[in-house]
Amino acid sequence: MAASRIRSTAVAASSDCEAWPYLDEGVLRPSRSRKVCMTCHWFRHHAGAECIPVLTCQLHRGQIAQGEHLIRRCQGWTDDMVRQRGWAPEVG
């Protein structure tokens, strides 16, 4: 029962983000370092319609165009928590 509830929540969240607008150049700026959308804590990807990836920024609640997640970032870029604290910080 719990697994179906989690699955339905994930489906609702992914279909929700497909309605978000695309982020424009006013938000995303070019980056030539490792500080790009893909390495940000707020970056997520979901399987959209027909399994086409939907790239999103949870901070700005917007979609990122294909390929832009590799060469752009926003002012709100935050290092991924895994990099900050390690894979399992509760063990240490």
PDB file of N, CA and C in Angstrom:
ATOM      1  N   MET A   1       0.819  -1.195   0.000  1.00  0.00           N
ATOM      2  CA  MET A   1       0.000   0.000   0.000  1.00  0.00           C
ATOM      3  C   MET A   1       0.867   1.264   0.000  1.00  0.00           C
ATOM      4  N   ALA A   2       1.903   1.263   0.832  1.00  0.00           N
ATOM      5  CA  ALA A   2       2.774   2.441   0.916  1.00  0.00           C
ATOM      6  C   ALA A   2       3.521   2.658  -0.391  1.00  0.00           C
ATOM      7  N   ALA A   3       3.920   1.562  -1.045  1.00  0.00           N
ATOM      8  CA  ALA A   3       4.654   1.683  -2.309  1.00  0.00           C
ATOM      9  C   ALA A   3       3.791   2.337  -3.381  1.00  0.00           C
ATOM     10  N   SER A   4       2.510   1.990  -3.430  1.00  0.00           N
ATOM     11  CA  SER A   4       1.634   2.594  -4.432  1.00  0.00           C
ATOM     12  C   SER A   4       1.405   4.075  -4.132  1.00  0.00           C
ATOM     13  N   ARG A   5       1.365   4.429  -2.843  1.00  0.00           N
ATOM     14  CA  ARG A   5       1.196   5.831  -2.467  1.00  0.00           C
ATOM     15  C   ARG A   5       2.425   6.642  -2.880  1.00  0.00           C
ATOM     16  N   ILE A   6       3.615   6.082  -2.668  1.00  0.00           N
ATOM     17  CA  ILE A   6       4.851   6.756  -3.060  1.00  0.00           C
ATOM     18  C   ILE A   6       4.909   6.900  -4.569  1.00  0.00           C
ATOM     19  N   ARG A   7       4.546   5.835  -5.289  1.00  0.00           N
ATOM     20  CA  ARG A   7       4.572   5.868  -6.749  1.00  0.00           C
ATOM     21  C   ARG A   7       3.598   6.922  -7.282  1.00  0.00           C
ATOM     22  N   SER A   8       2.388   7.001  -6.714  1.00  0.00           N
ATOM     23  CA  SER A   8       1.411   7.980  -7.193  1.00  0.00           C
ATOM     24  C   SER A   8       1.860   9.404  -6.879  1.00  0.00           C
ATOM     25  N   THR A   9       2.551   9.599  -5.756  1.00  0.00           N
ATOM     26  CA  THR A   9       3.085  10.919  -5.425  1.00  0.00           C
ATOM     27  C   THR A   9       4.170  11.312  -6.408  1.00  0.00           C
ATOM     28  N   ALA A  10       5.033  10.364  -6.777  1.00  0.00           N
ATOM     29  CA  ALA A  10       6.108  10.644  -7.737  1.00  0.00           C
ATOM     30  C   ALA A  10       5.531  10.984  -9.106  1.00  0.00           C
ATOM     31  N   VAL A  11       4.492  10.276  -9.521  1.00  0.00           N
ATOM     32  CA  VAL A  11       3.856  10.555 -10.808  1.00  0.00           C
ATOM     33  C   VAL A  11       3.217  11.935 -10.780  1.00  0.00           C
ATOM     34  N   ALA A  12       2.555  12.286  -9.678  1.00  0.00           N
ATOM     35  CA  ALA A  12       1.931  13.603  -9.565  1.00  0.00           C
ATOM     36  C   ALA A  12       2.981  14.702  -9.599  1.00  0.00           C
ATOM     37  N   ALA A  13       4.103  14.493  -8.923  1.00  0.00           N
ATOM     38  CA  ALA A  13       5.169  15.498  -8.901  1.00  0.00           C
ATOM     39  C   ALA A  13       5.780  15.676 -10.281  1.00  0.00           C
ATOM     40  N   SER A  14       5.994  14.568 -11.002  1.00  0.00           N
ATOM     41  CA  SER A  14       6.614  14.688 -12.321  1.00  0.00           C
ATOM     42  C   SER A  14       5.662  15.330 -13.323  1.00  0.00           C
ATOM     43  N   SER A  15       4.371  15.032 -13.245  1.00  0.00           N
ATOM     44  CA  SER A  15       3.429  15.658 -14.175  1.00  0.00           C
ATOM     45  C   SER A  15       3.229  17.126 -13.810  1.00  0.00           C
ATOM     46  N   ASP A  16       3.382  17.453 -12.549  1.00  0.00           N
ATOM     47  CA  ASP A  16       3.286  18.830 -12.083  1.00  0.00           C
ATOM     48  C   ASP A  16       4.387  19.692 -12.691  1.00  0.00           C
ATOM     49  N   CYS A  17       5.607  19.171 -12.697  1.00  0.00           N
ATOM     50  CA  CYS A  17       6.743  19.958 -13.177  1.00  0.00           C
ATOM     51  C   CYS A  17       6.722  20.119 -14.697  1.00  0.00           C
ATOM     52  N   GLU A  18       5.988  19.283 -15.411  1.00  0.00           N
ATOM     53  CA  GLU A  18       5.897  19.437 -16.864  1.00  0.00           C
ATOM     54  C   GLU A  18       5.126  20.695 -17.249  1.00  0.00           C
ATOM     55  N   ALA A  19       4.336  21.229 -16.339  1.00  0.00           N
ATOM     56  CA  ALA A  19       3.582  22.454 -16.605  1.00  0.00           C
ATOM     57  C   ALA A  19       4.395  23.707 -16.279  1.00  0.00           C
ATOM     58  N   TRP A  20       5.542  23.549 -15.639  1.00  0.00           N
ATOM     59  CA  TRP A  20       6.381  24.698 -15.294  1.00  0.00           C
ATOM     60  C   TRP A  20       6.914  25.362 -16.556  1.00  0.00           C
ATOM     61  N   PRO A  21       7.153  26.665 -16.517  1.00  0.00           N
ATOM     62  CA  PRO A  21       7.736  27.353 -17.685  1.00  0.00           C
ATOM     63  C   PRO A  21       9.231  27.055 -17.796  1.00  0.00           C
ATOM     64  N   TYR A  22       9.771  27.253 -18.986  1.00  0.00           N
ATOM     65  CA  TYR A  22      11.216  27.099 -19.181  1.00  0.00           C
ATOM     66  C   TYR A  22      11.929  28.324 -18.613  1.00  0.00           C
ATOM     67  N   LEU A  23      13.088  28.097 -17.999  1.00  0.00           N
ATOM     68  CA  LEU A  23      13.891  29.196 -17.472  1.00  0.00           C
ATOM     69  C   LEU A  23      14.609  29.884 -18.629  1.00  0.00           C
ATOM     70  N   ASP A  24      14.634  31.200 -18.613  1.00  0.00           N
ATOM     71  CA  ASP A  24      15.244  31.950 -19.713  1.00  0.00           C
ATOM     72  C   ASP A  24      16.638  32.448 -19.341  1.00  0.00           C
ATOM     73  N   GLU A  25      17.225  33.231 -20.232  1.00  0.00           N
ATOM     74  CA  GLU A  25      18.585  33.726 -20.024  1.00  0.00           C
ATOM     75  C   GLU A  25      18.672  34.745 -18.896  1.00  0.00           C
ATOM     76  N   GLY A  26      17.543  35.280 -18.467  1.00  0.00           N
ATOM     77  CA  GLY A  26      17.538  36.179 -17.320  1.00  0.00           C
ATOM     78  C   GLY A  26      17.847  35.450 -16.026  1.00  0.00           C
ATOM     79  N   VAL A  27      17.536  34.156 -15.990  1.00  0.00           N
ATOM     80  CA  VAL A  27      17.787  33.336 -14.798  1.00  0.00           C
ATOM     81  C   VAL A  27      19.061  32.520 -14.966  1.00  0.00           C
ATOM     82  N   LEU A  28      19.199  31.854 -16.104  1.00  0.00           N
ATOM     83  CA  LEU A  28      20.360  30.992 -16.341  1.00  0.00           C
ATOM     84  C   LEU A  28      21.467  31.767 -17.039  1.00  0.00           C
ATOM     85  N   ARG A  29      22.654  31.705 -16.472  1.00  0.00           N
ATOM     86  CA  ARG A  29      23.808  32.408 -17.035  1.00  0.00           C
ATOM     87  C   ARG A  29      24.856  31.399 -17.468  1.00  0.00           C
ATOM     88  N   PRO A  30      25.648  31.727 -18.478  1.00  0.00           N
ATOM     89  CA  PRO A  30      26.704  30.801 -18.916  1.00  0.00           C
ATOM     90  C   PRO A  30      27.705  30.527 -17.794  1.00  0.00           C
ATOM     91  N   SER A  31      28.210  29.297 -17.755  1.00  0.00           N
ATOM     92  CA  SER A  31      29.201  28.918 -16.751  1.00  0.00           C
ATOM     93  C   SER A  31      30.255  28.051 -17.409  1.00  0.00           C
ATOM     94  N   ARG A  32      31.513  28.318 -17.085  1.00  0.00           N
ATOM     95  CA  ARG A  32      32.612  27.520 -17.631  1.00  0.00           C
ATOM     96  C   ARG A  32      33.357  26.808 -16.507  1.00  0.00           C
ATOM     97  N   SER A  33      32.641  26.449 -15.463  1.00  0.00           N
ATOM     98  CA  SER A  33      33.237  25.725 -14.337  1.00  0.00           C
ATOM     99  C   SER A  33      32.353  24.525 -14.025  1.00  0.00           C
ATOM    100  N   ARG A  34      32.613  23.855 -12.927  1.00  0.00           N
ATOM    101  CA  ARG A  34      31.770  22.724 -12.540  1.00  0.00           C
ATOM    102  C   ARG A  34      30.458  23.184 -11.921  1.00  0.00           C
ATOM    103  N   LYS A  35      30.325  24.473 -11.685  1.00  0.00           N
ATOM    104  CA  LYS A  35      29.103  25.033 -11.116  1.00  0.00           C
ATOM    105  C   LYS A  35      28.069  25.233 -12.218  1.00  0.00           C
ATOM    106  N   VAL A  36      27.435  24.143 -12.607  1.00  0.00           N
ATOM    107  CA  VAL A  36      26.377  24.161 -13.614  1.00  0.00           C
ATOM    108  C   VAL A  36      25.131  23.527 -13.009  1.00  0.00           C
ATOM    109  N   CYS A  37      24.009  23.659 -13.682  1.00  0.00           N
ATOM    110  CA  CYS A  37      22.739  23.144 -13.160  1.00  0.00           C
ATOM    111  C   CYS A  37      22.824  21.680 -12.730  1.00  0.00           C
ATOM    112  N   MET A  38      23.486  20.864 -13.541  1.00  0.00           N
ATOM    113  CA  MET A  38      23.525  19.431 -13.264  1.00  0.00           C
ATOM    114  C   MET A  38      24.198  19.103 -11.930  1.00  0.00           C
ATOM    115  N   THR A  39      25.114  19.933 -11.454  1.00  0.00           N
ATOM    116  CA  THR A  39      25.804  19.671 -10.191  1.00  0.00           C
ATOM    117  C   THR A  39      25.163  20.403  -9.018  1.00  0.00           C
ATOM    118  N   CYS A  40      24.049  21.066  -9.252  1.00  0.00           N
ATOM    119  CA  CYS A  40      23.378  21.849  -8.212  1.00  0.00           C
ATOM    120  C   CYS A  40      22.465  20.964  -7.360  1.00  0.00           C
ATOM    121  N   HIS A  41      22.328  21.344  -6.101  1.00  0.00           N
ATOM    122  CA  HIS A  41      21.447  20.634  -5.171  1.00  0.00           C
ATOM    123  C   HIS A  41      19.988  20.676  -5.632  1.00  0.00           C
ATOM    124  N   TRP A  42      19.574  21.714  -6.311  1.00  0.00           N
ATOM    125  CA  TRP A  42      18.177  21.906  -6.702  1.00  0.00           C
ATOM    126  C   TRP A  42      17.812  21.249  -8.029  1.00  0.00           C
ATOM    127  N   PHE A  43      18.782  20.690  -8.750  1.00  0.00           N
ATOM    128  CA  PHE A  43      18.531  20.082 -10.056  1.00  0.00           C
ATOM    129  C   PHE A  43      17.841  18.731  -9.899  1.00  0.00           C
ATOM    130  N   ARG A  44      16.818  18.487 -10.707  1.00  0.00           N
ATOM    131  CA  ARG A  44      16.126  17.196 -10.738  1.00  0.00           C
ATOM    132  C   ARG A  44      15.835  16.836 -12.193  1.00  0.00           C
ATOM    133  N   HIS A  45      15.695  15.543 -12.438  1.00  0.00           N
ATOM    134  CA  HIS A  45      15.245  15.098 -13.759  1.00  0.00           C
ATOM    135  C   HIS A  45      14.174  14.046 -13.564  1.00  0.00           C
ATOM    136  N   HIS A  46      13.187  14.074 -14.421  1.00  0.00           N
ATOM    137  CA  HIS A  46      12.037  13.173 -14.358  1.00  0.00           C
ATOM    138  C   HIS A  46      11.794  12.596 -15.742  1.00  0.00           C
ATOM    139  N   ALA A  47      11.144  11.448 -15.777  1.00  0.00           N
ATOM    140  CA  ALA A  47      10.724  10.876 -17.057  1.00  0.00           C
ATOM    141  C   ALA A  47       9.380  11.502 -17.414  1.00  0.00           C
ATOM    142  N   GLY A  48       9.354  12.251 -18.492  1.00  0.00           N
ATOM    143  CA  GLY A  48       8.132  12.918 -18.926  1.00  0.00           C
ATOM    144  C   GLY A  48       7.322  12.025 -19.850  1.00  0.00           C
ATOM    145  N   ALA A  49       6.499  12.650 -20.659  1.00  0.00           N
ATOM    146  CA  ALA A  49       5.673  11.921 -21.617  1.00  0.00           C
ATOM    147  C   ALA A  49       6.559  11.138 -22.575  1.00  0.00           C
ATOM    148  N   GLU A  50       6.197   9.902 -22.808  1.00  0.00           N
ATOM    149  CA  GLU A  50       6.946   8.996 -23.688  1.00  0.00           C
ATOM    150  C   GLU A  50       8.404   8.852 -23.258  1.00  0.00           C
ATOM    151  N   CYS A  51       8.636   8.950 -21.948  1.00  0.00           N
ATOM    152  CA  CYS A  51       9.965   8.749 -21.337  1.00  0.00           C
ATOM    153  C   CYS A  51      11.012   9.770 -21.791  1.00  0.00           C
ATOM    154  N   ILE A  52      10.594  10.927 -22.235  1.00  0.00           N
ATOM    155  CA  ILE A  52      11.525  12.002 -22.585  1.00  0.00           C
ATOM    156  C   ILE A  52      11.902  12.717 -21.290  1.00  0.00           C
ATOM    157  N   PRO A  53      13.202  12.878 -21.013  1.00  0.00           N
ATOM    158  CA  PRO A  53      13.609  13.503 -19.750  1.00  0.00           C
ATOM    159  C   PRO A  53      13.126  14.953 -19.627  1.00  0.00           C
ATOM    160  N   VAL A  54      12.655  15.277 -18.438  1.00  0.00           N
ATOM    161  CA  VAL A  54      12.264  16.640 -18.107  1.00  0.00           C
ATOM    162  C   VAL A  54      13.259  17.120 -17.061  1.00  0.00           C
ATOM    163  N   LEU A  55      14.037  18.146 -17.389  1.00  0.00           N
ATOM    164  CA  LEU A  55      15.055  18.685 -16.499  1.00  0.00           C
ATOM    165  C   LEU A  55      14.471  19.888 -15.779  1.00  0.00           C
ATOM    166  N   THR A  56      14.570  19.905 -14.438  1.00  0.00           N
ATOM    167  CA  THR A  56      13.933  20.972 -13.678  1.00  0.00           C
ATOM    168  C   THR A  56      14.852  21.561 -12.619  1.00  0.00           C
ATOM    169  N   CYS A  57      14.529  22.784 -12.238  1.00  0.00           N
ATOM    170  CA  CYS A  57      15.167  23.460 -11.110  1.00  0.00           C
ATOM    171  C   CYS A  57      14.091  23.625 -10.044  1.00  0.00           C
ATOM    172  N   GLN A  58      14.270  22.969  -8.907  1.00  0.00           N
ATOM    173  CA  GLN A  58      13.284  23.043  -7.837  1.00  0.00           C
ATOM    174  C   GLN A  58      13.277  24.421  -7.170  1.00  0.00           C
ATOM    175  N   LEU A  59      14.412  25.101  -7.183  1.00  0.00           N
ATOM    176  CA  LEU A  59      14.509  26.428  -6.567  1.00  0.00           C
ATOM    177  C   LEU A  59      13.654  27.447  -7.316  1.00  0.00           C
ATOM    178  N   HIS A  60      13.761  27.460  -8.642  1.00  0.00           N
ATOM    179  CA  HIS A  60      13.029  28.426  -9.465  1.00  0.00           C
ATOM    180  C   HIS A  60      11.717  27.866 -10.003  1.00  0.00           C
ATOM    181  N   ARG A  61      11.439  26.594  -9.718  1.00  0.00           N
ATOM    182  CA  ARG A  61      10.236  25.915 -10.201  1.00  0.00           C
ATOM    183  C   ARG A  61      10.060  26.138 -11.700  1.00  0.00           C
ATOM    184  N   GLY A  62      11.116  25.752 -12.447  1.00  0.00           N
ATOM    185  CA  GLY A  62      11.092  25.904 -13.890  1.00  0.00           C
ATOM    186  C   GLY A  62      11.813  24.765 -14.580  1.00  0.00           C
ATOM    187  N   GLN A  63      11.514  24.581 -15.859  1.00  0.00           N
ATOM    188  CA  GLN A  63      12.184  23.559 -16.662  1.00  0.00           C
ATOM    189  C   GLN A  63      13.452  24.131 -17.274  1.00  0.00           C
ATOM    190  N   ILE A  64      14.405  23.244 -17.524  1.00  0.00           N
ATOM    191  CA  ILE A  64      15.665  23.619 -18.149  1.00  0.00           C
ATOM    192  C   ILE A  64      15.716  22.930 -19.506  1.00  0.00           C
ATOM    193  N   ALA A  65      16.011  23.677 -20.546  1.00  0.00           N
ATOM    194  CA  ALA A  65      16.077  23.110 -21.898  1.00  0.00           C
ATOM    195  C   ALA A  65      17.185  22.063 -21.978  1.00  0.00           C
ATOM    196  N   GLN A  66      16.981  21.061 -22.835  1.00  0.00           N
ATOM    197  CA  GLN A  66      17.979  19.999 -23.010  1.00  0.00           C
ATOM    198  C   GLN A  66      19.338  20.599 -23.357  1.00  0.00           C
ATOM    199  N   GLY A  67      20.369  20.175 -22.652  1.00  0.00           N
ATOM    200  CA  GLY A  67      21.725  20.641 -22.903  1.00  0.00           C
ATOM    201  C   GLY A  67      22.118  21.858 -22.085  1.00  0.00           C
ATOM    202  N   GLU A  68      21.150  22.677 -21.700  1.00  0.00           N
ATOM    203  CA  GLU A  68      21.453  23.878 -20.917  1.00  0.00           C
ATOM    204  C   GLU A  68      21.938  23.525 -19.511  1.00  0.00           C
ATOM    205  N   HIS A  69      21.546  22.357 -19.003  1.00  0.00           N
ATOM    206  CA  HIS A  69      21.964  21.951 -17.657  1.00  0.00           C
ATOM    207  C   HIS A  69      23.460  21.665 -17.584  1.00  0.00           C
ATOM    208  N   LEU A  70      24.121  21.571 -18.729  1.00  0.00           N
ATOM    209  CA  LEU A  70      25.561  21.289 -18.780  1.00  0.00           C
ATOM    210  C   LEU A  70      26.414  22.547 -18.912  1.00  0.00           C
ATOM    211  N   ILE A  71      25.827  23.659 -19.338  1.00  0.00           N
ATOM    212  CA  ILE A  71      26.633  24.858 -19.620  1.00  0.00           C
ATOM    213  C   ILE A  71      26.124  26.116 -18.924  1.00  0.00           C
ATOM    214  N   ARG A  72      25.089  26.010 -18.118  1.00  0.00           N
ATOM    215  CA  ARG A  72      24.533  27.200 -17.463  1.00  0.00           C
ATOM    216  C   ARG A  72      24.284  26.950 -15.982  1.00  0.00           C
ATOM    217  N   ARG A  73      24.134  28.054 -15.252  1.00  0.00           N
ATOM    218  CA  ARG A  73      23.771  28.002 -13.839  1.00  0.00           C
ATOM    219  C   ARG A  73      23.037  29.284 -13.478  1.00  0.00           C
ATOM    220  N   CYS A  74      22.429  29.302 -12.291  1.00  0.00           N
ATOM    221  CA  CYS A  74      21.767  30.514 -11.819  1.00  0.00           C
ATOM    222  C   CYS A  74      22.523  31.059 -10.611  1.00  0.00           C
ATOM    223  N   GLN A  75      22.078  32.194 -10.105  1.00  0.00           N
ATOM    224  CA  GLN A  75      22.721  32.794  -8.933  1.00  0.00           C
ATOM    225  C   GLN A  75      22.481  31.963  -7.677  1.00  0.00           C
ATOM    226  N   GLY A  76      21.453  31.120  -7.686  1.00  0.00           N
ATOM    227  CA  GLY A  76      21.127  30.311  -6.515  1.00  0.00           C
ATOM    228  C   GLY A  76      21.826  28.966  -6.472  1.00  0.00           C
ATOM    229  N   TRP A  77      22.858  28.766  -7.319  1.00  0.00           N
ATOM    230  CA  TRP A  77      23.549  27.484  -7.369  1.00  0.00           C
ATOM    231  C   TRP A  77      24.061  27.114  -5.985  1.00  0.00           C
ATOM    232  N   THR A  78      23.781  25.873  -5.558  1.00  0.00           N
ATOM    233  CA  THR A  78      24.212  25.369  -4.258  1.00  0.00           C
ATOM    234  C   THR A  78      24.846  24.012  -4.468  1.00  0.00           C
ATOM    235  N   ASP A  79      25.967  23.782  -3.807  1.00  0.00           N
ATOM    236  CA  ASP A  79      26.648  22.495  -3.925  1.00  0.00           C
ATOM    237  C   ASP A  79      25.733  21.381  -3.437  1.00  0.00           C
ATOM    238  N   ASP A  80      25.783  20.257  -4.092  1.00  0.00           N
ATOM    239  CA  ASP A  80      24.975  19.101  -3.742  1.00  0.00           C
ATOM    240  C   ASP A  80      25.292  18.662  -2.319  1.00  0.00           C
ATOM    241  N   MET A  81      24.278  18.282  -1.549  1.00  0.00           N
ATOM    242  CA  MET A  81      24.472  17.879  -0.154  1.00  0.00           C
ATOM    243  C   MET A  81      25.377  16.655  -0.027  1.00  0.00           C
ATOM    244  N   VAL A  82      25.386  15.789  -1.029  1.00  0.00           N
ATOM    245  CA  VAL A  82      26.267  14.617  -0.993  1.00  0.00           C
ATOM    246  C   VAL A  82      27.722  15.071  -0.991  1.00  0.00           C
ATOM    247  N   ARG A  83      28.036  16.079  -1.776  1.00  0.00           N
ATOM    248  CA  ARG A  83      29.410  16.595  -1.809  1.00  0.00           C
ATOM    249  C   ARG A  83      29.760  17.322  -0.517  1.00  0.00           C
ATOM    250  N   GLN A  84      28.781  18.004   0.083  1.00  0.00           N
ATOM    251  CA  GLN A  84      29.043  18.770   1.295  1.00  0.00           C
ATOM    252  C   GLN A  84      29.243  17.870   2.505  1.00  0.00           C
ATOM    253  N   ARG A  85      28.384  16.873   2.653  1.00  0.00           N
ATOM    254  CA  ARG A  85      28.369  16.070   3.875  1.00  0.00           C
ATOM    255  C   ARG A  85      28.802  14.627   3.683  1.00  0.00           C
ATOM    256  N   GLY A  86      28.978  14.191   2.471  1.00  0.00           N
ATOM    257  CA  GLY A  86      29.311  12.792   2.225  1.00  0.00           C
ATOM    258  C   GLY A  86      28.064  11.979   1.947  1.00  0.00           C
ATOM    259  N   TRP A  87      28.279  10.734   1.537  1.00  0.00           N
ATOM    260  CA  TRP A  87      27.157   9.893   1.124  1.00  0.00           C
ATOM    261  C   TRP A  87      26.235   9.548   2.285  1.00  0.00           C
ATOM    262  N   ALA A  88      26.790   9.228   3.459  1.00  0.00           N
ATOM    263  CA  ALA A  88      25.984   8.858   4.619  1.00  0.00           C
ATOM    264  C   ALA A  88      26.514   9.592   5.854  1.00  0.00           C
ATOM    265  N   PRO A  89      26.152  10.862   6.045  1.00  0.00           N
ATOM    266  CA  PRO A  89      26.717  11.642   7.146  1.00  0.00           C
ATOM    267  C   PRO A  89      26.341  11.111   8.519  1.00  0.00           C
ATOM    268  N   GLU A  90      25.212  10.388   8.620  1.00  0.00           N
ATOM    269  CA  GLU A  90      24.792   9.874   9.925  1.00  0.00           C
ATOM    270  C   GLU A  90      25.726   8.786  10.446  1.00  0.00           C
ATOM    271  N   VAL A  91      26.482   8.142   9.568  1.00  0.00           N
ATOM    272  CA  VAL A  91      27.409   7.081   9.975  1.00  0.00           C
ATOM    273  C   VAL A  91      28.623   7.675  10.673  1.00  0.00           C
ATOM    274  N   GLY A  92      29.118   8.800  10.176  1.00  0.00           N
ATOM    275  CA  GLY A  92      30.323   9.442  10.707  1.00  0.00           C
ATOM    276  C   GLY A  92      30.083  10.019  12.030  1.00  0.00           C
TER     277      GLY A  92
END
